[in-house]
Amino acid sequence: MRGPSKPSEFILNRLYRQTGRLLQEIDKFNLAEYMELLNNPRRFFWVNFLGGVGRGLGAALGATLVAAIVVTILRRLVLLNLPIIGDYIAELIQIVQDHL
């Protein structure tokens, strides 16, 4: 009678360990919170809306900062009076300033 008990106990212990690992993975990915979010459409909408606004604002600010740095570098290059490139850069800066 002891023979069948050992394999059953081994299988149960193994199943218990695997279940524990699965629960840790689910907890790591916050699956319960995600399911709660999916069940609340208003909250789901607002979380995604605010995330999109934040990403858009970040992209706009980042692009503005990069453009300002590029224009500043181009202005300094114009001051160096480089023969061909200087005229082209001066014209480009003038176009940018006209649009501001």
N, C-alpha and C. Protein backbone atom coordinates (compact mmCIF):
# COMPACT_ATOMS: atom_id res chain seq x y z
N MET A 1 0.80 -1.20 0.00
CA MET A 1 0.00 0.00 0.00
C MET A 1 0.84 1.27 0.00
N ARG A 2 2.07 1.17 0.45
CA ARG A 2 2.93 2.34 0.48
C ARG A 2 3.38 2.74 -0.93
N GLY A 3 3.46 1.82 -1.82
CA GLY A 3 3.93 2.07 -3.18
C GLY A 3 3.15 3.16 -3.89
N PRO A 4 1.82 3.06 -3.98
CA PRO A 4 1.06 4.08 -4.68
C PRO A 4 1.05 5.42 -3.96
N SER A 5 1.26 5.44 -2.67
CA SER A 5 1.22 6.67 -1.90
C SER A 5 2.41 7.57 -2.24
N LYS A 6 3.60 6.98 -2.42
CA LYS A 6 4.81 7.76 -2.71
C LYS A 6 4.69 8.51 -4.05
N PRO A 7 4.33 7.86 -5.15
CA PRO A 7 4.21 8.60 -6.41
C PRO A 7 3.14 9.69 -6.32
N SER A 8 2.02 9.42 -5.64
CA SER A 8 0.96 10.42 -5.51
C SER A 8 1.47 11.63 -4.74
N GLU A 9 2.23 11.36 -3.69
CA GLU A 9 2.78 12.44 -2.88
C GLU A 9 3.80 13.24 -3.70
N PHE A 10 4.61 12.55 -4.48
CA PHE A 10 5.59 13.21 -5.34
C PHE A 10 4.89 14.11 -6.37
N ILE A 11 3.85 13.59 -6.98
CA ILE A 11 3.10 14.36 -7.99
C ILE A 11 2.44 15.56 -7.34
N LEU A 12 1.88 15.40 -6.16
CA LEU A 12 1.23 16.52 -5.47
C LEU A 12 2.25 17.59 -5.09
N ASN A 13 3.42 17.17 -4.61
CA ASN A 13 4.45 18.15 -4.27
C ASN A 13 4.92 18.92 -5.51
N ARG A 14 5.09 18.20 -6.60
CA ARG A 14 5.51 18.83 -7.84
C ARG A 14 4.45 19.81 -8.34
N LEU A 15 3.20 19.40 -8.28
CA LEU A 15 2.09 20.25 -8.68
C LEU A 15 2.02 21.49 -7.79
N TYR A 16 2.26 21.32 -6.51
CA TYR A 16 2.24 22.43 -5.56
C TYR A 16 3.34 23.44 -5.91
N ARG A 17 4.54 22.97 -6.22
CA ARG A 17 5.64 23.86 -6.58
C ARG A 17 5.34 24.61 -7.89
N GLN A 18 4.81 23.90 -8.87
CA GLN A 18 4.49 24.54 -10.15
C GLN A 18 3.38 25.58 -9.97
N THR A 19 2.40 25.26 -9.13
CA THR A 19 1.32 26.21 -8.87
C THR A 19 1.89 27.46 -8.19
N GLY A 20 2.81 27.26 -7.26
CA GLY A 20 3.45 28.39 -6.59
C GLY A 20 4.20 29.27 -7.57
N ARG A 21 4.94 28.66 -8.50
CA ARG A 21 5.66 29.43 -9.52
C ARG A 21 4.70 30.19 -10.43
N LEU A 22 3.60 29.53 -10.79
CA LEU A 22 2.60 30.17 -11.64
C LEU A 22 1.99 31.38 -10.93
N LEU A 23 1.69 31.25 -9.65
CA LEU A 23 1.14 32.36 -8.89
C LEU A 23 2.14 33.51 -8.78
N GLN A 24 3.42 33.20 -8.65
CA GLN A 24 4.45 34.24 -8.61
C GLN A 24 4.51 34.98 -9.94
N GLU A 25 4.42 34.25 -11.04
CA GLU A 25 4.44 34.89 -12.37
C GLU A 25 3.21 35.78 -12.57
N ILE A 26 2.06 35.30 -12.16
CA ILE A 26 0.84 36.09 -12.28
C ILE A 26 0.96 37.36 -11.44
N ASP A 27 1.50 37.22 -10.25
CA ASP A 27 1.67 38.36 -9.37
C ASP A 27 2.67 39.35 -9.97
N LYS A 28 3.72 38.83 -10.60
CA LYS A 28 4.74 39.69 -11.20
C LYS A 28 4.14 40.56 -12.31
N PHE A 29 3.24 40.03 -13.08
CA PHE A 29 2.65 40.77 -14.19
C PHE A 29 1.40 41.55 -13.79
N ASN A 30 1.05 41.57 -12.51
CA ASN A 30 -0.12 42.29 -12.00
C ASN A 30 -1.38 41.93 -12.79
N LEU A 31 -1.55 40.66 -13.05
CA LEU A 31 -2.67 40.20 -13.87
C LEU A 31 -4.01 40.53 -13.21
N ALA A 32 -4.08 40.43 -11.89
CA ALA A 32 -5.34 40.72 -11.20
C ALA A 32 -5.72 42.19 -11.39
N GLU A 33 -4.74 43.07 -11.27
CA GLU A 33 -5.01 44.50 -11.46
C GLU A 33 -5.41 44.79 -12.90
N TYR A 34 -4.78 44.11 -13.84
CA TYR A 34 -5.12 44.30 -15.25
C TYR A 34 -6.55 43.84 -15.53
N MET A 35 -6.94 42.71 -14.96
CA MET A 35 -8.30 42.21 -15.15
C MET A 35 -9.31 43.17 -14.53
N GLU A 36 -8.98 43.74 -13.40
CA GLU A 36 -9.86 44.71 -12.76
C GLU A 36 -10.00 45.94 -13.65
N LEU A 37 -8.90 46.35 -14.26
CA LEU A 37 -8.93 47.50 -15.16
C LEU A 37 -9.81 47.21 -16.39
N LEU A 38 -9.71 46.00 -16.93
CA LEU A 38 -10.52 45.65 -18.09
C LEU A 38 -12.01 45.60 -17.76
N ASN A 39 -12.33 45.30 -16.52
CA ASN A 39 -13.73 45.23 -16.11
C ASN A 39 -14.32 46.60 -15.80
N ASN A 40 -13.51 47.64 -15.81
CA ASN A 40 -13.98 48.99 -15.55
C ASN A 40 -13.65 49.86 -16.77
N PRO A 41 -14.57 49.93 -17.75
CA PRO A 41 -14.28 50.63 -19.01
C PRO A 41 -13.93 52.11 -18.84
N ARG A 42 -14.59 52.80 -17.90
CA ARG A 42 -14.28 54.22 -17.70
C ARG A 42 -12.84 54.42 -17.24
N ARG A 43 -12.43 53.64 -16.27
CA ARG A 43 -11.06 53.75 -15.76
C ARG A 43 -10.06 53.35 -16.85
N PHE A 44 -10.40 52.32 -17.61
CA PHE A 44 -9.54 51.87 -18.70
C PHE A 44 -9.35 52.99 -19.72
N PHE A 45 -10.45 53.68 -20.06
CA PHE A 45 -10.38 54.79 -21.01
C PHE A 45 -9.49 55.90 -20.46
N TRP A 46 -9.71 56.31 -19.22
CA TRP A 46 -8.95 57.43 -18.66
C TRP A 46 -7.47 57.10 -18.49
N VAL A 47 -7.17 55.89 -18.08
CA VAL A 47 -5.76 55.50 -17.93
C VAL A 47 -5.07 55.57 -19.29
N ASN A 48 -5.70 55.05 -20.33
CA ASN A 48 -5.11 55.08 -21.67
C ASN A 48 -5.06 56.49 -22.24
N PHE A 49 -6.11 57.28 -21.99
CA PHE A 49 -6.15 58.65 -22.47
C PHE A 49 -5.04 59.49 -21.85
N LEU A 50 -4.92 59.41 -20.54
CA LEU A 50 -3.88 60.19 -19.86
C LEU A 50 -2.48 59.71 -20.23
N GLY A 51 -2.33 58.41 -20.44
CA GLY A 51 -1.04 57.89 -20.90
C GLY A 51 -0.69 58.42 -22.28
N GLY A 52 -1.67 58.48 -23.16
CA GLY A 52 -1.45 59.02 -24.51
C GLY A 52 -1.12 60.50 -24.49
N VAL A 53 -1.82 61.25 -23.64
CA VAL A 53 -1.53 62.69 -23.52
C VAL A 53 -0.11 62.89 -23.01
N GLY A 54 0.28 62.09 -22.02
CA GLY A 54 1.63 62.19 -21.47
C GLY A 54 2.68 61.87 -22.50
N ARG A 55 2.47 60.81 -23.28
CA ARG A 55 3.44 60.46 -24.33
C ARG A 55 3.51 61.54 -25.40
N GLY A 56 2.35 62.08 -25.79
CA GLY A 56 2.33 63.14 -26.80
C GLY A 56 3.03 64.40 -26.32
N LEU A 57 2.78 64.77 -25.08
CA LEU A 57 3.42 65.95 -24.51
C LEU A 57 4.93 65.75 -24.41
N GLY A 58 5.33 64.57 -23.99
CA GLY A 58 6.75 64.26 -23.91
C GLY A 58 7.43 64.31 -25.27
N ALA A 59 6.76 63.79 -26.28
CA ALA A 59 7.32 63.82 -27.64
C ALA A 59 7.44 65.25 -28.15
N ALA A 60 6.41 66.06 -27.90
CA ALA A 60 6.45 67.46 -28.36
C ALA A 60 7.56 68.23 -27.66
N LEU A 61 7.68 68.07 -26.35
CA LEU A 61 8.73 68.77 -25.62
C LEU A 61 10.12 68.29 -26.05
N GLY A 62 10.25 67.00 -26.24
CA GLY A 62 11.54 66.45 -26.68
C GLY A 62 11.93 66.96 -28.06
N ALA A 63 10.98 66.99 -28.98
CA ALA A 63 11.27 67.47 -30.33
C ALA A 63 11.63 68.95 -30.31
N THR A 64 10.93 69.73 -29.47
CA THR A 64 11.24 71.15 -29.35
C THR A 64 12.64 71.37 -28.81
N LEU A 65 13.01 70.60 -27.81
CA LEU A 65 14.34 70.72 -27.22
C LEU A 65 15.43 70.35 -28.23
N VAL A 66 15.23 69.27 -28.95
CA VAL A 66 16.20 68.85 -29.96
C VAL A 66 16.31 69.90 -31.06
N ALA A 67 15.19 70.46 -31.51
CA ALA A 67 15.21 71.48 -32.55
C ALA A 67 15.94 72.74 -32.07
N ALA A 68 15.71 73.12 -30.82
CA ALA A 68 16.39 74.30 -30.27
C ALA A 68 17.90 74.09 -30.22
N ILE A 69 18.31 72.91 -29.83
CA ILE A 69 19.74 72.60 -29.77
C ILE A 69 20.35 72.63 -31.17
N VAL A 70 19.66 72.07 -32.15
CA VAL A 70 20.15 72.05 -33.53
C VAL A 70 20.27 73.48 -34.08
N VAL A 71 19.26 74.30 -33.82
CA VAL A 71 19.30 75.69 -34.30
C VAL A 71 20.45 76.45 -33.65
N THR A 72 20.67 76.22 -32.36
CA THR A 72 21.78 76.88 -31.67
C THR A 72 23.12 76.47 -32.27
N ILE A 73 23.28 75.19 -32.53
CA ILE A 73 24.52 74.71 -33.15
C ILE A 73 24.69 75.32 -34.54
N LEU A 74 23.61 75.38 -35.31
CA LEU A 74 23.69 75.96 -36.66
C LEU A 74 24.06 77.44 -36.60
N ARG A 75 23.53 78.18 -35.62
CA ARG A 75 23.88 79.60 -35.48
C ARG A 75 25.37 79.76 -35.21
N ARG A 76 25.90 78.90 -34.38
CA ARG A 76 27.33 78.98 -34.07
C ARG A 76 28.17 78.64 -35.31
N LEU A 77 27.68 77.73 -36.12
CA LEU A 77 28.40 77.40 -37.35
C LEU A 77 28.41 78.58 -38.32
N VAL A 78 27.33 79.37 -38.33
CA VAL A 78 27.25 80.54 -39.20
C VAL A 78 28.31 81.55 -38.78
N LEU A 79 28.52 81.69 -37.47
CA LEU A 79 29.51 82.64 -36.97
C LEU A 79 30.93 82.28 -37.39
N LEU A 80 31.15 81.01 -37.72
CA LEU A 80 32.48 80.58 -38.15
C LEU A 80 32.79 80.99 -39.59
N ASN A 81 31.77 81.52 -40.30
CA ASN A 81 31.91 81.94 -41.70
C ASN A 81 32.49 80.85 -42.59
N LEU A 82 31.93 79.69 -42.53
CA LEU A 82 32.34 78.62 -43.43
C LEU A 82 31.88 78.98 -44.84
N PRO A 83 32.69 78.77 -45.85
CA PRO A 83 32.39 79.28 -47.19
C PRO A 83 31.02 78.89 -47.76
N ILE A 84 30.78 77.65 -48.06
CA ILE A 84 29.54 77.24 -48.72
C ILE A 84 28.48 76.89 -47.69
N ILE A 85 28.87 76.17 -46.67
CA ILE A 85 27.93 75.70 -45.65
C ILE A 85 27.35 76.87 -44.86
N GLY A 86 28.16 77.90 -44.61
CA GLY A 86 27.71 79.05 -43.82
C GLY A 86 26.51 79.75 -44.45
N ASP A 87 26.55 79.97 -45.76
CA ASP A 87 25.43 80.63 -46.46
C ASP A 87 24.17 79.77 -46.39
N TYR A 88 24.34 78.48 -46.59
CA TYR A 88 23.20 77.56 -46.55
C TYR A 88 22.58 77.54 -45.15
N ILE A 89 23.41 77.47 -44.14
CA ILE A 89 22.92 77.43 -42.76
C ILE A 89 22.24 78.76 -42.40
N ALA A 90 22.82 79.87 -42.82
CA ALA A 90 22.22 81.17 -42.55
C ALA A 90 20.83 81.27 -43.18
N GLU A 91 20.71 80.78 -44.39
CA GLU A 91 19.40 80.78 -45.06
C GLU A 91 18.40 79.89 -44.32
N LEU A 92 18.87 78.73 -43.88
CA LEU A 92 18.01 77.80 -43.14
C LEU A 92 17.55 78.42 -41.82
N ILE A 93 18.46 79.08 -41.10
CA ILE A 93 18.09 79.73 -39.84
C ILE A 93 17.10 80.85 -40.08
N GLN A 94 17.28 81.59 -41.17
CA GLN A 94 16.35 82.66 -41.50
C GLN A 94 14.95 82.12 -41.77
N ILE A 95 14.86 81.00 -42.45
CA ILE A 95 13.56 80.38 -42.71
C ILE A 95 12.91 79.94 -41.41
N VAL A 96 13.68 79.34 -40.52
CA VAL A 96 13.14 78.90 -39.23
C VAL A 96 12.65 80.10 -38.42
N GLN A 97 13.42 81.19 -38.39
CA GLN A 97 13.01 82.37 -37.62
C GLN A 97 11.79 83.04 -38.22
N ASP A 98 11.65 83.00 -39.53
CA ASP A 98 10.47 83.59 -40.18
C ASP A 98 9.20 82.84 -39.79
N HIS A 99 9.32 81.54 -39.60
CA HIS A 99 8.14 80.74 -39.24
C HIS A 99 7.80 80.83 -37.76
N LEU A 100 8.71 81.33 -36.95
CA LEU A 100 8.42 81.50 -35.52
C LEU A 100 7.64 82.77 -35.33
